[in-house]
Amino acid sequence: MTAGKGGTGKTTVATSLALALQDRYPVQFLDCDVEEPDAHILLKPKITEQEPIYVKRPKVDESKCDYCGKCSEACQFNAIMVLKGKLALVYPELCHGCGLCHLVCPKNAIFEYDVELGVIEHGIANGMEYLQGRLAVGEPLATPLIRRLKEKIDPEKIAILDSAPGTGCPVIETMHGADFVLLVTEPTPFGLHDLKLAVNVAKTLGLRMGVVLNRDGVGDKGIEKYCTREGLPILLRIPLDRRIAVAYSNGVPLVLELPEWREPFREMFAELGELASQEAR
C-alpha cells in the first residue's frame, strides 16, 4: 500500500482492507512507515513484544591506521574520508552498515560497534498479527529497519504493508518484492503528479499495480484519464464522505464505522488477486 502524496488515505485503505479480510483469511499487518507509524491509531493493537534492531558502525583505530585510503575508496556512501597521512574521519549518519570498510582495510584498523537503529513492535490487533517499526530519534536511515521488519513476513498469511508517503528509499524498500502494489491517490493535480512518480517506481521494480481513488467525486478527471492511458485499473472508489472523515479523526477505521464497506474491499482484493494471476501467466 503506497501513495506518492501524503494524506491520500493509504493508511485508511490499508487498515480497512486488513479488517475486511481478517475474518476470512489469516492476515498480517506491517506498518513500514517507521519514521511516523500511525496505523496503531486506527487498529489499536496490544503490543506484546519489542525487539531492538542494531546496525554496525565503523570506528578507526588510529594506532593501526596508515591512512592508505582504501576504506574511503571502497565506501559507496562517502561515510569515510581519509586525509592521507593525517586523519581518517567517519560520518556515521552516512554509513549503511555494510562492513566493506572493515573488510578492505589492510591493517585491520577498522572495527565495528553496534548502534540501536530502532525497534520492531509485535502485537495483536482485532485478532490479526500486527507489526510496526519505530526508527530511533536522530537515525537518518529507515531502510535497514524496514528490511528487518519485512523479514517477519509470514508466507502463510496475507501480508499487508503500509508504506511511508513519497517515493524515496523507505517506500522503494517497502515495495520491493511485493506481489501487488495498491496506489492510493486523490483526484487533484498534486495527487496526479505524485501518482505518476509512484507508478514509475513500481514499473522500475517490475511490480503489478492498481489504483484506489479516494475522495472520488471532487477535483478533476486527470487521474482517470491517466489511468486509462496507462492501462491502470481503478480497483476501488471511495467518495468524499463526511462520515469517513469524522470516523478517521476519532481513530475509527472506515469498515468499522461503515460496515457496508467490508464487501467492496473484499471484492477489490479478489479482483487484484485475479489481476496478479493473469499477469503471472
C-alpha atoms as a PDB file:
ATOM      1  CA  MET A   1       0.000   0.000   0.000  1.00  0.00           C
ATOM      2  CA  THR A   2       1.640   3.208  -1.097  1.00  0.00           C
ATOM      3  CA  ALA A   3       0.963   6.671  -2.402  1.00  0.00           C
ATOM      4  CA  GLY A   4       3.309   9.299  -3.711  1.00  0.00           C
ATOM      5  CA  LYS A   5       1.467  12.084  -1.945  1.00  0.00           C
ATOM      6  CA  GLY A   6       0.986  12.115   1.805  1.00  0.00           C
ATOM      7  CA  GLY A   7      -2.552  12.341   3.132  1.00  0.00           C
ATOM      8  CA  THR A   8      -4.269  10.480   0.305  1.00  0.00           C
ATOM      9  CA  GLY A   9      -5.693   7.850   2.665  1.00  0.00           C
ATOM     10  CA  LYS A  10      -3.326   4.918   2.267  1.00  0.00           C
ATOM     11  CA  THR A  11      -3.474   4.020   5.973  1.00  0.00           C
ATOM     12  CA  THR A  12      -7.264   4.266   5.852  1.00  0.00           C
ATOM     13  CA  VAL A  13      -7.299   1.873   2.895  1.00  0.00           C
ATOM     14  CA  ALA A  14      -4.640  -0.468   4.308  1.00  0.00           C
ATOM     15  CA  THR A  15      -6.315  -0.866   7.705  1.00  0.00           C
ATOM     16  CA  SER A  16      -9.766  -1.238   6.156  1.00  0.00           C
ATOM     17  CA  LEU A  17      -8.557  -3.910   3.760  1.00  0.00           C
ATOM     18  CA  ALA A  18      -6.912  -5.817   6.613  1.00  0.00           C
ATOM     19  CA  LEU A  19     -10.045  -5.662   8.757  1.00  0.00           C
ATOM     20  CA  ALA A  20     -12.280  -6.664   5.853  1.00  0.00           C
ATOM     21  CA  LEU A  21     -10.169  -9.760   5.190  1.00  0.00           C
ATOM     22  CA  GLN A  22      -9.176 -10.865   8.680  1.00  0.00           C
ATOM     23  CA  ASP A  23     -12.378 -12.779   9.424  1.00  0.00           C
ATOM     24  CA  ARG A  24     -11.879 -14.862   6.249  1.00  0.00           C
ATOM     25  CA  TYR A  25      -8.106 -15.197   5.902  1.00  0.00           C
ATOM     26  CA  PRO A  26      -5.031 -15.198   8.145  1.00  0.00           C
ATOM     27  CA  VAL A  27      -3.798 -11.600   7.857  1.00  0.00           C
ATOM     28  CA  GLN A  28      -0.567  -9.946   8.898  1.00  0.00           C
ATOM     29  CA  PHE A  29      -0.339  -6.141   9.020  1.00  0.00           C
ATOM     30  CA  LEU A  30       3.032  -4.371   8.816  1.00  0.00           C
ATOM     31  CA  ASP A  31       3.339  -0.619   9.286  1.00  0.00           C
ATOM     32  CA  CYS A  32       6.505   0.155   7.325  1.00  0.00           C
ATOM     33  CA  ASP A  33       6.341   3.907   7.852  1.00  0.00           C
ATOM     34  CA  VAL A  34       8.993   3.513  10.548  1.00  0.00           C
ATOM     35  CA  GLU A  35       9.633   7.238  10.892  1.00  0.00           C
ATOM     36  CA  GLU A  36       5.995   8.009  11.686  1.00  0.00           C
ATOM     37  CA  PRO A  37       3.944   4.820  12.164  1.00  0.00           C
ATOM     38  CA  ASP A  38       0.274   5.661  12.550  1.00  0.00           C
ATOM     39  CA  ALA A  39      -1.724   2.515  11.766  1.00  0.00           C
ATOM     40  CA  HIS A  40      -1.825   1.777  15.502  1.00  0.00           C
ATOM     41  CA  ILE A  41      -4.104   4.801  15.948  1.00  0.00           C
ATOM     42  CA  LEU A  42      -6.787   3.022  13.918  1.00  0.00           C
ATOM     43  CA  LEU A  43      -6.075  -0.634  14.703  1.00  0.00           C
ATOM     44  CA  LYS A  44      -5.236  -0.129  18.401  1.00  0.00           C
ATOM     45  CA  PRO A  45      -3.011  -3.210  18.731  1.00  0.00           C
ATOM     46  CA  LYS A  46      -1.940  -4.725  22.018  1.00  0.00           C
ATOM     47  CA  ILE A  47       1.856  -4.683  21.775  1.00  0.00           C
ATOM     48  CA  THR A  48       3.281  -7.825  23.338  1.00  0.00           C
ATOM     49  CA  GLU A  49       6.933  -7.702  22.288  1.00  0.00           C
ATOM     50  CA  GLN A  50       9.612  -5.155  21.431  1.00  0.00           C
ATOM     51  CA  GLU A  51      12.734  -6.233  19.573  1.00  0.00           C
ATOM     52  CA  PRO A  52      15.646  -3.763  19.390  1.00  0.00           C
ATOM     53  CA  ILE A  53      17.353  -3.672  15.992  1.00  0.00           C
ATOM     54  CA  TYR A  54      21.049  -2.862  15.692  1.00  0.00           C
ATOM     55  CA  VAL A  55      23.341  -1.865  12.830  1.00  0.00           C
ATOM     56  CA  LYS A  56      27.115  -1.918  12.643  1.00  0.00           C
ATOM     57  CA  ARG A  57      29.055   1.345  12.513  1.00  0.00           C
ATOM     58  CA  PRO A  58      32.821   1.650  11.890  1.00  0.00           C
ATOM     59  CA  LYS A  59      35.471   3.220  14.080  1.00  0.00           C
ATOM     60  CA  VAL A  60      39.106   3.747  13.148  1.00  0.00           C
ATOM     61  CA  ASP A  61      41.935   2.619  15.422  1.00  0.00           C
ATOM     62  CA  GLU A  62      44.388   5.460  14.828  1.00  0.00           C
ATOM     63  CA  SER A  63      47.243   3.423  16.309  1.00  0.00           C
ATOM     64  CA  LYS A  64      46.980   0.916  13.429  1.00  0.00           C
ATOM     65  CA  CYS A  65      45.789   3.119  10.558  1.00  0.00           C
ATOM     66  CA  ASP A  66      48.369   4.192   7.980  1.00  0.00           C
ATOM     67  CA  TYR A  67      45.822   6.401   6.116  1.00  0.00           C
ATOM     68  CA  CYS A  68      46.106   4.460   2.858  1.00  0.00           C
ATOM     69  CA  GLY A  69      42.562   5.484   1.882  1.00  0.00           C
ATOM     70  CA  LYS A  70      41.337   2.067   0.755  1.00  0.00           C
ATOM     71  CA  CYS A  71      38.313   2.285   3.072  1.00  0.00           C
ATOM     72  CA  SER A  72      37.343   5.665   1.635  1.00  0.00           C
ATOM     73  CA  GLU A  73      37.701   4.381  -1.932  1.00  0.00           C
ATOM     74  CA  ALA A  74      35.529   1.333  -1.187  1.00  0.00           C
ATOM     75  CA  CYS A  75      32.716   3.194   0.587  1.00  0.00           C
ATOM     76  CA  GLN A  76      29.859   3.907  -1.826  1.00  0.00           C
ATOM     77  CA  PHE A  77      28.186   6.283   0.607  1.00  0.00           C
ATOM     78  CA  ASN A  78      31.113   8.624   1.378  1.00  0.00           C
ATOM     79  CA  ALA A  79      30.885   7.701   5.048  1.00  0.00           C
ATOM     80  CA  ILE A  80      34.688   7.705   5.491  1.00  0.00           C
ATOM     81  CA  MET A  81      37.121  10.406   4.419  1.00  0.00           C
ATOM     82  CA  VAL A  82      40.879   9.984   4.688  1.00  0.00           C
ATOM     83  CA  LEU A  83      43.312  12.879   4.672  1.00  0.00           C
ATOM     84  CA  LYS A  84      46.415  10.997   3.585  1.00  0.00           C
ATOM     85  CA  GLY A  85      48.979  10.718   6.296  1.00  0.00           C
ATOM     86  CA  LYS A  86      46.938  12.805   8.714  1.00  0.00           C
ATOM     87  CA  LEU A  87      43.408  11.822   9.616  1.00  0.00           C
ATOM     88  CA  ALA A  88      40.555   9.337   8.997  1.00  0.00           C
ATOM     89  CA  LEU A  89      37.070  10.745   9.544  1.00  0.00           C
ATOM     90  CA  VAL A  90      33.911   8.637   9.905  1.00  0.00           C
ATOM     91  CA  TYR A  91      30.464  10.115   9.211  1.00  0.00           C
ATOM     92  CA  PRO A  92      28.097   7.685  10.966  1.00  0.00           C
ATOM     93  CA  GLU A  93      24.951   9.386   9.623  1.00  0.00           C
ATOM     94  CA  LEU A  94      26.021   8.363   6.092  1.00  0.00           C
ATOM     95  CA  CYS A  95      27.040   4.809   6.998  1.00  0.00           C
ATOM     96  CA  HIS A  96      24.789   1.965   5.776  1.00  0.00           C
ATOM     97  CA  GLY A  97      26.461  -0.650   7.981  1.00  0.00           C
ATOM     98  CA  CYS A  98      27.636  -2.842   5.110  1.00  0.00           C
ATOM     99  CA  GLY A  99      31.011  -3.613   6.713  1.00  0.00           C
ATOM    100  CA  LEU A 100      33.011  -3.208   3.492  1.00  0.00           C
ATOM    101  CA  CYS A 101      35.454  -0.722   5.030  1.00  0.00           C
ATOM    102  CA  HIS A 102      36.338  -3.284   7.690  1.00  0.00           C
ATOM    103  CA  LEU A 103      36.907  -5.965   5.050  1.00  0.00           C
ATOM    104  CA  VAL A 104      39.181  -3.932   2.769  1.00  0.00           C
ATOM    105  CA  CYS A 105      41.381  -2.418   5.480  1.00  0.00           C
ATOM    106  CA  PRO A 106      44.863  -3.990   5.042  1.00  0.00           C
ATOM    107  CA  LYS A 107      45.945  -3.019   8.573  1.00  0.00           C
ATOM    108  CA  ASN A 108      42.832  -4.312  10.318  1.00  0.00           C
ATOM    109  CA  ALA A 109      42.485  -0.810  11.726  1.00  0.00           C
ATOM    110  CA  ILE A 110      38.703  -0.567  11.442  1.00  0.00           C
ATOM    111  CA  PHE A 111      36.452  -2.253  13.965  1.00  0.00           C
ATOM    112  CA  GLU A 112      32.670  -2.165  14.211  1.00  0.00           C
ATOM    113  CA  TYR A 113      30.342  -1.424  17.073  1.00  0.00           C
ATOM    114  CA  ASP A 114      26.580  -1.816  17.470  1.00  0.00           C
ATOM    115  CA  VAL A 115      24.197   1.133  17.301  1.00  0.00           C
ATOM    116  CA  GLU A 116      20.496   0.743  18.062  1.00  0.00           C
ATOM    117  CA  LEU A 117      18.647   1.654  14.882  1.00  0.00           C
ATOM    118  CA  GLY A 118      15.158   1.320  16.324  1.00  0.00           C
ATOM    119  CA  VAL A 119      12.696  -1.303  17.479  1.00  0.00           C
ATOM    120  CA  ILE A 120      10.222  -3.695  15.910  1.00  0.00           C
ATOM    121  CA  GLU A 121       6.999  -3.964  17.882  1.00  0.00           C
ATOM    122  CA  HIS A 122       4.853  -7.068  17.651  1.00  0.00           C
ATOM    123  CA  GLY A 123       1.273  -7.414  18.797  1.00  0.00           C
ATOM    124  CA  ILE A 124      -2.318  -8.360  18.032  1.00  0.00           C
ATOM    125  CA  ALA A 125      -4.956  -6.050  16.549  1.00  0.00           C
ATOM    126  CA  ASN A 126      -8.539  -7.202  16.107  1.00  0.00           C
ATOM    127  CA  GLY A 127      -7.360 -10.801  16.083  1.00  0.00           C
ATOM    128  CA  MET A 128      -4.671 -10.353  13.433  1.00  0.00           C
ATOM    129  CA  GLU A 129      -0.909 -10.188  13.716  1.00  0.00           C
ATOM    130  CA  TYR A 130       0.411  -6.631  13.841  1.00  0.00           C
ATOM    131  CA  LEU A 131       3.989  -5.411  13.407  1.00  0.00           C
ATOM    132  CA  GLN A 132       5.460  -1.952  13.197  1.00  0.00           C
ATOM    133  CA  GLY A 133       8.912  -0.430  13.169  1.00  0.00           C
ATOM    134  CA  ARG A 134       9.975   2.645  15.123  1.00  0.00           C
ATOM    135  CA  LEU A 135      13.150   4.366  13.999  1.00  0.00           C
ATOM    136  CA  ALA A 136      15.303   5.732  16.820  1.00  0.00           C
ATOM    137  CA  VAL A 137      15.310   9.508  17.185  1.00  0.00           C
ATOM    138  CA  GLY A 138      18.170  11.027  15.215  1.00  0.00           C
ATOM    139  CA  GLU A 139      18.743   7.988  12.980  1.00  0.00           C
ATOM    140  CA  PRO A 140      18.645   9.030   9.298  1.00  0.00           C
ATOM    141  CA  LEU A 141      18.371   5.592   7.648  1.00  0.00           C
ATOM    142  CA  ALA A 142      14.980   3.903   7.658  1.00  0.00           C
ATOM    143  CA  THR A 143      15.636   1.216   5.051  1.00  0.00           C
ATOM    144  CA  PRO A 144      17.637  -1.230   7.225  1.00  0.00           C
ATOM    145  CA  LEU A 145      14.824  -1.225   9.783  1.00  0.00           C
ATOM    146  CA  ILE A 146      12.184  -1.759   7.093  1.00  0.00           C
ATOM    147  CA  ARG A 147      14.255  -4.615   5.689  1.00  0.00           C
ATOM    148  CA  ARG A 148      14.390  -6.284   9.098  1.00  0.00           C
ATOM    149  CA  LEU A 149      10.660  -5.701   9.554  1.00  0.00           C
ATOM    150  CA  LYS A 150       9.929  -7.414   6.230  1.00  0.00           C
ATOM    151  CA  GLU A 151      11.919 -10.439   7.366  1.00  0.00           C
ATOM    152  CA  LYS A 152       8.998 -11.052   9.752  1.00  0.00           C
ATOM    153  CA  ILE A 153       6.539 -11.618   6.884  1.00  0.00           C
ATOM    154  CA  ASP A 154       4.745 -14.931   7.264  1.00  0.00           C
ATOM    155  CA  PRO A 155       4.354 -16.590   3.817  1.00  0.00           C
ATOM    156  CA  GLU A 156       1.302 -18.447   5.121  1.00  0.00           C
ATOM    157  CA  LYS A 157      -0.581 -15.187   5.706  1.00  0.00           C
ATOM    158  CA  ILE A 158      -1.805 -12.295   3.605  1.00  0.00           C
ATOM    159  CA  ALA A 159       0.724  -9.597   4.434  1.00  0.00           C
ATOM    160  CA  ILE A 160      -0.488  -6.021   4.050  1.00  0.00           C
ATOM    161  CA  LEU A 161       2.331  -3.473   4.115  1.00  0.00           C
ATOM    162  CA  ASP A 162       1.541   0.190   4.726  1.00  0.00           C
ATOM    163  CA  SER A 163       4.366   2.350   3.376  1.00  0.00           C
ATOM    164  CA  ALA A 164       5.580   5.851   4.088  1.00  0.00           C
ATOM    165  CA  PRO A 165       4.488   8.647   1.716  1.00  0.00           C
ATOM    166  CA  GLY A 166       6.711   9.740  -1.132  1.00  0.00           C
ATOM    167  CA  THR A 167       8.886   7.715  -3.487  1.00  0.00           C
ATOM    168  CA  GLY A 168      12.163   7.684  -1.582  1.00  0.00           C
ATOM    169  CA  CYS A 169      14.264   4.798  -0.299  1.00  0.00           C
ATOM    170  CA  PRO A 170      11.846   3.758   2.510  1.00  0.00           C
ATOM    171  CA  VAL A 171       8.988   3.419   0.009  1.00  0.00           C
ATOM    172  CA  ILE A 172      11.148   1.561  -2.504  1.00  0.00           C
ATOM    173  CA  GLU A 173      12.302  -0.866   0.197  1.00  0.00           C
ATOM    174  CA  THR A 174       8.680  -1.436   1.273  1.00  0.00           C
ATOM    175  CA  MET A 175       7.516  -2.067  -2.305  1.00  0.00           C
ATOM    176  CA  HIS A 176      10.444  -4.284  -3.274  1.00  0.00           C
ATOM    177  CA  GLY A 177       9.346  -7.893  -3.705  1.00  0.00           C
ATOM    178  CA  ALA A 178       5.618  -7.177  -3.302  1.00  0.00           C
ATOM    179  CA  ASP A 179       3.102  -9.353  -5.142  1.00  0.00           C
ATOM    180  CA  PHE A 180       0.890  -6.347  -5.854  1.00  0.00           C
ATOM    181  CA  VAL A 181       1.025  -2.604  -5.180  1.00  0.00           C
ATOM    182  CA  LEU A 182      -2.100  -0.627  -4.363  1.00  0.00           C
ATOM    183  CA  LEU A 183      -1.588   3.032  -5.198  1.00  0.00           C
ATOM    184  CA  VAL A 184      -3.908   5.260  -3.185  1.00  0.00           C
ATOM    185  CA  THR A 185      -4.491   8.664  -4.712  1.00  0.00           C
ATOM    186  CA  GLU A 186      -6.920  11.569  -4.884  1.00  0.00           C
ATOM    187  CA  PRO A 187      -8.391  13.418  -7.898  1.00  0.00           C
ATOM    188  CA  THR A 188      -6.226  16.551  -7.630  1.00  0.00           C
ATOM    189  CA  PRO A 189      -3.270  17.823  -9.692  1.00  0.00           C
ATOM    190  CA  PHE A 190      -0.966  17.163  -6.730  1.00  0.00           C
ATOM    191  CA  GLY A 191      -2.346  13.642  -6.394  1.00  0.00           C
ATOM    192  CA  LEU A 192      -1.804  13.002 -10.113  1.00  0.00           C
ATOM    193  CA  HIS A 193       1.740  14.374 -10.030  1.00  0.00           C
ATOM    194  CA  ASP A 194       2.812  12.072  -7.207  1.00  0.00           C
ATOM    195  CA  LEU A 195       0.854   9.109  -8.561  1.00  0.00           C
ATOM    196  CA  LYS A 196       2.967   9.319 -11.722  1.00  0.00           C
ATOM    197  CA  LEU A 197       6.137   9.199  -9.614  1.00  0.00           C
ATOM    198  CA  ALA A 198       4.889   6.165  -7.669  1.00  0.00           C
ATOM    199  CA  VAL A 199       3.851   4.378 -10.868  1.00  0.00           C
ATOM    200  CA  ASN A 200       7.313   4.923 -12.343  1.00  0.00           C
ATOM    201  CA  VAL A 201       8.889   3.394  -9.239  1.00  0.00           C
ATOM    202  CA  ALA A 202       6.586   0.366  -9.397  1.00  0.00           C
ATOM    203  CA  LYS A 203       7.326  -0.067 -13.113  1.00  0.00           C
ATOM    204  CA  THR A 204      11.061   0.092 -12.481  1.00  0.00           C
ATOM    205  CA  LEU A 205      10.687  -2.611  -9.832  1.00  0.00           C
ATOM    206  CA  GLY A 206       8.572  -4.697 -12.217  1.00  0.00           C
ATOM    207  CA  LEU A 207       5.565  -4.778  -9.899  1.00  0.00           C
ATOM    208  CA  ARG A 208       1.883  -5.331 -10.661  1.00  0.00           C
ATOM    209  CA  MET A 209      -0.293  -2.439  -9.543  1.00  0.00           C
ATOM    210  CA  GLY A 210      -3.760  -0.972  -9.321  1.00  0.00           C
ATOM    211  CA  VAL A 211      -5.260   2.292  -8.085  1.00  0.00           C
ATOM    212  CA  VAL A 212      -7.612   3.207  -5.255  1.00  0.00           C
ATOM    213  CA  LEU A 213      -9.249   6.578  -5.872  1.00  0.00           C
ATOM    214  CA  ASN A 214     -10.028   8.244  -2.569  1.00  0.00           C
ATOM    215  CA  ARG A 215     -12.289  11.308  -2.213  1.00  0.00           C
ATOM    216  CA  ASP A 216     -13.863  10.391  -5.523  1.00  0.00           C
ATOM    217  CA  GLY A 217     -16.278  12.977  -6.908  1.00  0.00           C
ATOM    218  CA  VAL A 218     -14.240  16.094  -6.197  1.00  0.00           C
ATOM    219  CA  GLY A 219     -11.318  17.632  -8.037  1.00  0.00           C
ATOM    220  CA  ASP A 220     -10.816  16.862 -11.709  1.00  0.00           C
ATOM    221  CA  LYS A 221     -10.673  13.894 -14.103  1.00  0.00           C
ATOM    222  CA  GLY A 222      -6.891  13.899 -14.506  1.00  0.00           C
ATOM    223  CA  ILE A 223      -6.390  10.691 -12.519  1.00  0.00           C
ATOM    224  CA  GLU A 224      -8.967   8.761 -14.539  1.00  0.00           C
ATOM    225  CA  LYS A 225      -7.526   9.921 -17.868  1.00  0.00           C
ATOM    226  CA  TYR A 226      -4.028   8.987 -16.757  1.00  0.00           C
ATOM    227  CA  CYS A 227      -5.115   5.538 -15.545  1.00  0.00           C
ATOM    228  CA  THR A 228      -6.924   4.874 -18.818  1.00  0.00           C
ATOM    229  CA  ARG A 229      -3.882   5.945 -20.809  1.00  0.00           C
ATOM    230  CA  GLU A 230      -1.517   3.807 -18.728  1.00  0.00           C
ATOM    231  CA  GLY A 231      -3.823   0.795 -18.510  1.00  0.00           C
ATOM    232  CA  LEU A 232      -4.017   1.055 -14.714  1.00  0.00           C
ATOM    233  CA  PRO A 233      -7.192  -0.430 -13.227  1.00  0.00           C
ATOM    234  CA  ILE A 234      -9.070   1.680 -10.687  1.00  0.00           C
ATOM    235  CA  LEU A 235      -9.990  -1.082  -8.258  1.00  0.00           C
ATOM    236  CA  LEU A 236     -11.941   0.937  -5.721  1.00  0.00           C
ATOM    237  CA  ARG A 237     -13.529   4.374  -5.479  1.00  0.00           C
ATOM    238  CA  ILE A 238     -14.134   5.917  -2.064  1.00  0.00           C
ATOM    239  CA  PRO A 239     -16.277   9.071  -2.117  1.00  0.00           C
ATOM    240  CA  LEU A 240     -15.651  12.225  -0.135  1.00  0.00           C
ATOM    241  CA  ASP A 241     -17.933  11.359   2.775  1.00  0.00           C
ATOM    242  CA  ARG A 242     -18.090  13.369   5.978  1.00  0.00           C
ATOM    243  CA  ARG A 243     -18.818  10.199   7.984  1.00  0.00           C
ATOM    244  CA  ILE A 244     -15.492   8.705   6.886  1.00  0.00           C
ATOM    245  CA  ALA A 245     -13.620  11.861   7.809  1.00  0.00           C
ATOM    246  CA  VAL A 246     -15.249  12.059  11.242  1.00  0.00           C
ATOM    247  CA  ALA A 247     -14.522   8.380  11.925  1.00  0.00           C
ATOM    248  CA  TYR A 248     -10.884   8.831  10.920  1.00  0.00           C
ATOM    249  CA  SER A 249     -10.485  11.892  13.136  1.00  0.00           C
ATOM    250  CA  ASN A 250     -11.813   9.785  16.022  1.00  0.00           C
ATOM    251  CA  GLY A 251      -9.391   6.940  15.271  1.00  0.00           C
ATOM    252  CA  VAL A 252     -12.082   4.581  13.962  1.00  0.00           C
ATOM    253  CA  PRO A 253     -11.367   2.532  10.799  1.00  0.00           C
ATOM    254  CA  LEU A 254     -13.659   3.009   7.811  1.00  0.00           C
ATOM    255  CA  VAL A 255     -15.047  -0.545   7.772  1.00  0.00           C
ATOM    256  CA  LEU A 256     -15.831  -0.479  11.496  1.00  0.00           C
ATOM    257  CA  GLU A 257     -17.713   2.802  11.230  1.00  0.00           C
ATOM    258  CA  LEU A 258     -19.430   1.834   7.961  1.00  0.00           C
ATOM    259  CA  PRO A 259     -19.634  -1.993   7.815  1.00  0.00           C
ATOM    260  CA  GLU A 260     -21.229  -1.877   4.364  1.00  0.00           C
ATOM    261  CA  TRP A 261     -17.745  -1.089   3.014  1.00  0.00           C
ATOM    262  CA  ARG A 262     -16.397  -4.510   4.015  1.00  0.00           C
ATOM    263  CA  GLU A 263     -17.688  -6.199   0.887  1.00  0.00           C
ATOM    264  CA  PRO A 264     -16.270  -3.629  -1.582  1.00  0.00           C
ATOM    265  CA  PHE A 265     -12.845  -4.114  -0.003  1.00  0.00           C
ATOM    266  CA  ARG A 266     -13.193  -7.895  -0.274  1.00  0.00           C
ATOM    267  CA  GLU A 267     -14.248  -7.571  -3.917  1.00  0.00           C
ATOM    268  CA  MET A 268     -11.228  -5.368  -4.575  1.00  0.00           C
ATOM    269  CA  PHE A 269      -8.955  -7.981  -3.040  1.00  0.00           C
ATOM    270  CA  ALA A 270     -10.476 -10.686  -5.211  1.00  0.00           C
ATOM    271  CA  GLU A 271     -10.014  -8.512  -8.304  1.00  0.00           C
ATOM    272  CA  LEU A 272      -6.384  -7.721  -7.599  1.00  0.00           C
ATOM    273  CA  GLY A 273      -5.790 -11.417  -6.992  1.00  0.00           C
ATOM    274  CA  GLU A 274      -7.190 -12.166 -10.457  1.00  0.00           C
ATOM    275  CA  LEU A 275      -5.052  -9.437 -11.999  1.00  0.00           C
ATOM    276  CA  ALA A 276      -1.933 -10.778 -10.319  1.00  0.00           C
ATOM    277  CA  SER A 277      -2.620 -14.339 -11.506  1.00  0.00           C
ATOM    278  CA  GLN A 278      -3.345 -13.195 -15.076  1.00  0.00           C
ATOM    279  CA  GLU A 279      -0.085 -11.242 -15.295  1.00  0.00           C
ATOM    280  CA  ALA A 280       1.825 -14.147 -13.771  1.00  0.00           C
ATOM    281  CA  ARG A 281       0.614 -16.350 -16.633  1.00  0.00           C
END
